[in-house]
Protein backbone atom coordinates (compact mmCIF):
# COMPACT_ATOMS: atom_id res chain seq x y z
CA MET A 1 -6.06 -14.15 -3.16
CA THR A 2 -9.33 -12.35 -4.64
CA ILE A 3 -10.47 -8.72 -2.39
CA THR A 4 -14.33 -7.94 -3.47
CA LEU A 5 -15.70 -4.46 -2.16
CA ASP A 6 -20.16 -5.04 -2.44
CA SER A 7 -21.32 -1.16 -2.44
CA VAL A 8 -18.57 -0.11 -0.11
CA GLY A 9 -19.37 3.22 1.43
CA LYS A 10 -17.77 5.07 3.38
CA ARG A 11 -18.53 8.98 5.60
CA TYR A 12 -17.00 11.09 8.09
CA ASN A 13 -19.94 12.85 10.50
CA LEU A 14 -22.56 13.47 7.58
CA HIS A 15 -19.99 13.50 5.17
CA TRP A 16 -19.92 11.20 2.24
CA ILE A 17 -16.08 10.80 1.93
CA PHE A 18 -17.59 7.16 -1.09
CA ARG A 19 -20.65 5.35 -1.54
CA LYS A 20 -21.70 2.72 -3.23
CA LEU A 21 -18.56 1.38 -4.24
CA SER A 22 -17.62 -1.70 -6.01
CA ALA A 23 -14.88 -3.37 -7.05
CA THR A 24 -12.86 -6.67 -7.43
CA PHE A 25 -9.06 -7.73 -6.91
CA VAL A 26 -7.93 -9.99 -8.40
CA GLN A 27 -4.33 -11.11 -7.28
CA GLY A 28 -1.22 -10.20 -10.69
CA ASN A 29 -2.65 -7.28 -11.35
CA HIS A 30 -1.95 -3.47 -10.17
CA TYR A 31 -5.07 -0.76 -9.24
CA ALA A 32 -4.91 2.79 -9.34
CA ILE A 33 -7.17 4.74 -7.02
CA THR A 34 -7.26 8.50 -8.70
CA GLY A 35 -9.79 11.44 -7.90
CA PRO A 36 -8.16 15.40 -6.54
CA ASN A 37 -6.71 15.62 -2.82
CA GLY A 38 -9.58 15.15 -0.45
CA SER A 39 -11.53 12.39 -2.44
CA GLY A 40 -10.68 9.78 -0.37
CA LYS A 41 -7.48 7.92 -1.64
CA SER A 42 -5.86 6.92 0.95
CA THR A 43 -9.51 6.80 2.89
CA LEU A 44 -9.77 3.36 0.09
CA LEU A 45 -6.33 2.00 0.59
CA LEU A 46 -7.03 2.47 4.91
CA LEU A 47 -10.07 0.84 4.18
CA LEU A 48 -8.21 -2.41 2.14
CA ALA A 49 -6.15 -2.75 5.58
CA ALA A 50 -9.65 -2.95 7.16
CA GLN A 51 -7.52 0.20 9.54
CA VAL A 52 -10.93 1.70 9.40
CA MET A 53 -14.20 0.06 8.63
CA PRO A 54 -17.32 1.10 5.64
CA GLN A 55 -20.96 2.35 7.06
CA GLU A 56 -22.16 0.38 4.29
CA GLY A 57 -21.39 -2.25 1.90
CA HIS A 58 -18.96 -5.16 2.65
CA MET A 59 -15.68 -5.91 2.08
CA LEU A 60 -14.72 -9.53 1.44
CA VAL A 61 -11.82 -11.31 1.44
CA ARG A 62 -10.48 -15.38 -0.78
CA LEU A 63 -7.30 -16.27 -0.25
CA SER A 64 -6.08 -18.50 -1.88
CA ASN A 65 -5.68 -21.87 -0.10
CA SER A 66 -9.70 -21.20 0.02
CA ASN A 67 -12.59 -21.54 -1.62
CA THR A 68 -15.15 -19.53 0.48
CA GLN A 69 -15.34 -15.56 1.33
CA HIS A 70 -15.25 -13.82 4.52
CA GLU A 71 -14.76 -10.49 6.24
CA PRO A 72 -11.27 -9.64 6.92
CA ASP A 73 -10.06 -11.07 10.79
CA TYR A 74 -7.69 -10.32 13.18
CA THR A 75 -5.29 -11.63 10.69
CA TRP A 76 -5.98 -9.48 7.82
CA PHE A 77 -2.86 -7.79 8.98
CA ASN A 78 0.01 -10.73 8.26
CA HIS A 79 -1.56 -10.71 4.01
CA TYR A 80 -0.69 -6.99 3.73
CA SER A 81 1.63 -4.39 3.28
CA PHE A 82 1.84 -0.41 3.44
CA ALA A 83 3.77 2.10 2.19
CA ALA A 84 2.90 6.30 2.78
CA PRO A 85 4.51 9.28 3.14
CA TYR A 86 2.43 9.42 6.39
CA LEU A 87 3.76 6.66 7.86
CA GLU A 88 6.53 7.07 10.24
CA LEU A 89 9.98 4.78 10.68
CA ILE A 90 11.51 4.88 13.93
CA GLU A 91 13.90 7.64 13.44
CA GLU A 92 16.70 6.12 16.00
CA PHE A 93 17.04 2.99 14.67
CA THR A 94 19.47 2.83 11.81
CA LEU A 95 19.32 1.60 8.69
CA THR A 96 19.51 -1.95 9.51
CA GLU A 97 17.56 -1.77 12.69
CA MET A 98 15.12 -0.28 10.91
CA LEU A 99 14.76 -3.41 8.03
CA GLN A 100 15.51 -5.91 11.04
CA PHE A 101 12.25 -4.79 13.18
CA HIS A 102 10.23 -4.53 10.25
CA PHE A 103 10.77 -7.93 9.80
CA GLY A 104 11.17 -9.13 13.27
CA ALA A 105 7.03 -8.18 12.18
CA LYS A 106 6.48 -9.18 8.62
CA PRO A 107 7.70 -12.22 7.06
CA ILE A 108 10.32 -11.29 4.25
CA LEU A 109 10.06 -12.05 0.30
CA PRO A 110 12.20 -15.64 0.45
CA GLY A 111 15.58 -15.35 -0.90
CA HIS A 112 16.03 -12.17 0.79
CA SER A 113 17.77 -11.00 3.59
CA VAL A 114 18.50 -7.25 5.49
CA ASP A 115 21.78 -7.09 3.67
CA SER A 116 20.44 -7.80 0.46
CA ILE A 117 17.77 -5.44 0.43
CA ILE A 118 20.29 -2.65 1.41
CA GLY A 119 22.09 -3.08 -1.40
CA ALA A 120 19.28 -3.74 -3.71
CA LEU A 121 18.60 -0.21 -1.79
CA GLN A 122 21.71 0.82 -2.87
CA LEU A 123 22.30 2.12 0.37
CA GLU A 124 25.06 0.03 1.42
CA HIS A 125 26.89 3.27 2.71
CA ALA A 126 23.54 4.37 4.95
CA ALA A 127 23.64 0.74 6.23
CA HIS A 128 24.34 2.21 10.55
CA LYS A 129 23.42 5.43 9.67
CA PRO A 130 20.72 7.00 11.50
CA ILE A 131 17.50 7.53 10.07
CA ARG A 132 16.32 11.04 11.92
CA ASN A 133 19.77 11.70 9.66
CA PHE A 134 18.48 10.14 6.32
CA SER A 135 16.79 12.69 3.68
CA SER A 136 13.24 12.25 2.95
CA GLY A 137 13.60 10.52 -0.37
CA MET A 138 15.84 8.35 2.04
CA LYS A 139 13.26 7.67 4.28
CA GLN A 140 10.75 7.19 1.01
CA LYS A 141 12.93 4.47 -0.27
CA VAL A 142 13.41 2.12 3.33
CA LYS A 143 9.60 2.61 3.75
CA LEU A 144 8.94 1.39 -0.10
CA ALA A 145 11.02 -1.81 0.56
CA GLN A 146 9.79 -2.82 3.59
CA ALA A 147 6.62 -3.11 1.32
CA ILE A 148 7.73 -4.37 -0.98
CA PHE A 149 9.63 -6.61 0.43
CA THR A 150 7.20 -8.03 2.80
CA HIS A 151 5.90 -11.68 2.23
CA ALA A 152 2.29 -10.81 1.26
CA PRO A 153 0.11 -11.08 -1.14
CA LEU A 154 -1.64 -7.38 -0.97
CA LEU A 155 0.16 -4.47 -1.28
CA LEU A 156 -1.00 -0.81 -0.71
CA LEU A 157 0.91 2.38 -1.56
CA ASP A 158 0.05 5.57 -1.06
CA GLU A 159 1.46 8.25 -3.46
CA PRO A 160 4.72 6.38 -4.33
CA GLY A 161 6.47 8.28 -5.62
CA SER A 162 6.32 11.45 -2.89
CA ASN A 163 10.10 12.77 -2.25
CA LEU A 164 11.95 10.75 -4.70
CA ASP A 165 14.10 11.91 -7.22
CA THR A 166 14.65 10.66 -10.80
CA GLN A 167 17.13 8.00 -10.39
CA ALA A 168 15.24 7.02 -6.91
CA PHE A 169 11.59 6.53 -8.91
CA ALA A 170 12.97 4.72 -11.77
CA LEU A 171 14.66 2.15 -8.79
CA TYR A 172 10.99 2.07 -7.07
CA GLN A 173 9.65 0.98 -10.25
CA HIS A 174 12.59 -1.58 -11.32
CA LEU A 175 12.00 -3.07 -7.52
CA LEU A 176 8.19 -3.36 -7.98
CA ALA A 177 8.15 -4.71 -11.66
CA GLN A 178 10.52 -7.79 -10.19
CA TYR A 179 9.29 -8.51 -6.88
CA ALA A 180 5.36 -6.97 -6.97
CA ALA A 181 4.05 -8.87 -10.18
CA ASP A 182 2.08 -11.93 -8.68
CA LYS A 183 0.98 -9.41 -6.15
CA ILE A 184 -2.64 -7.13 -5.71
CA VAL A 185 -1.07 -3.67 -5.89
CA VAL A 186 -3.42 -0.75 -5.40
CA ILE A 187 -2.10 2.67 -5.26
CA GLY A 188 -3.51 5.72 -4.43
CA SER A 189 -2.26 8.40 -7.22
CA ASN A 190 -3.08 11.29 -9.50
CA ASN A 191 0.68 11.26 -10.77
CA GLU A 192 0.34 9.21 -14.17
CA ALA A 193 4.20 7.82 -14.25
CA GLU A 194 2.96 6.33 -11.06
CA ILE A 195 -0.11 4.45 -12.24
CA ALA A 196 1.03 3.47 -15.43
CA ALA A 197 0.73 -0.37 -15.28
CA CYS A 198 -1.87 -0.15 -13.18
CA THR A 199 -4.30 -2.15 -15.49
CA GLY A 200 -7.51 -1.09 -12.90
CA ARG A 201 -8.76 2.11 -12.26
CA ILE A 202 -11.09 3.33 -9.69
CA PHE A 203 -11.80 7.15 -9.74
CA LEU A 204 -13.75 8.05 -6.83
CA PRO A 205 -15.37 10.57 -7.89
CA ASP A 206 -17.59 8.54 -9.50
CA PHE A 207 -18.82 7.03 -6.18
CA LYS A 208 -19.96 10.81 -4.89
CA SER A 209 -22.86 11.44 -3.11
CA GLU A 210 -24.01 14.85 -0.45
CA LYS A 211 -26.73 13.05 0.49
CA HIS A 212 -27.10 13.33 4.63
CA PRO A 213 -27.55 9.76 5.87
CA ARG A 214 -30.39 7.79 7.10
């Protein structure tokens, strides 16, 4: 898969979040989106997920089984997974039920199961514990696992280290290196530890404009 942003711009009301942003994302590479709080890191991730649309420019995708580029269509959700602290889990579910629900809608990485993912997270003791009783760090581990173990070529991560202690962060880095090496990984963060392995970087203040829309 290849994703191309061609001079994209996104605004809310009269305020441009970013403008004239061009970039190419190639499968097998990791990319960082950086910038101060409020600079649009989450907005750009949502744009890559086609959950928000640009006011100018185009996002074009080329799938591995195609030689042509096209804008994302209604099937785009099948091609990515997303983890962010602000995305909610279903708190009434147990961990096992939450993963079964997620992977009922998204394909699981070949060779894995709900039980093997729980083992990889080192959360066997909490397999039948309601999510509402999890700590913030445990919830973040579940969100990351849902995204990393989804069989999709694009992985979008917004501040993935949020609420993780040192041990949990090391586990996240291990899972990312082992199971996402052949994906496009895009990480929104200013934490150097989270983006140290990224080969490409987009610094959003480079694409700021205070001009009013035409």
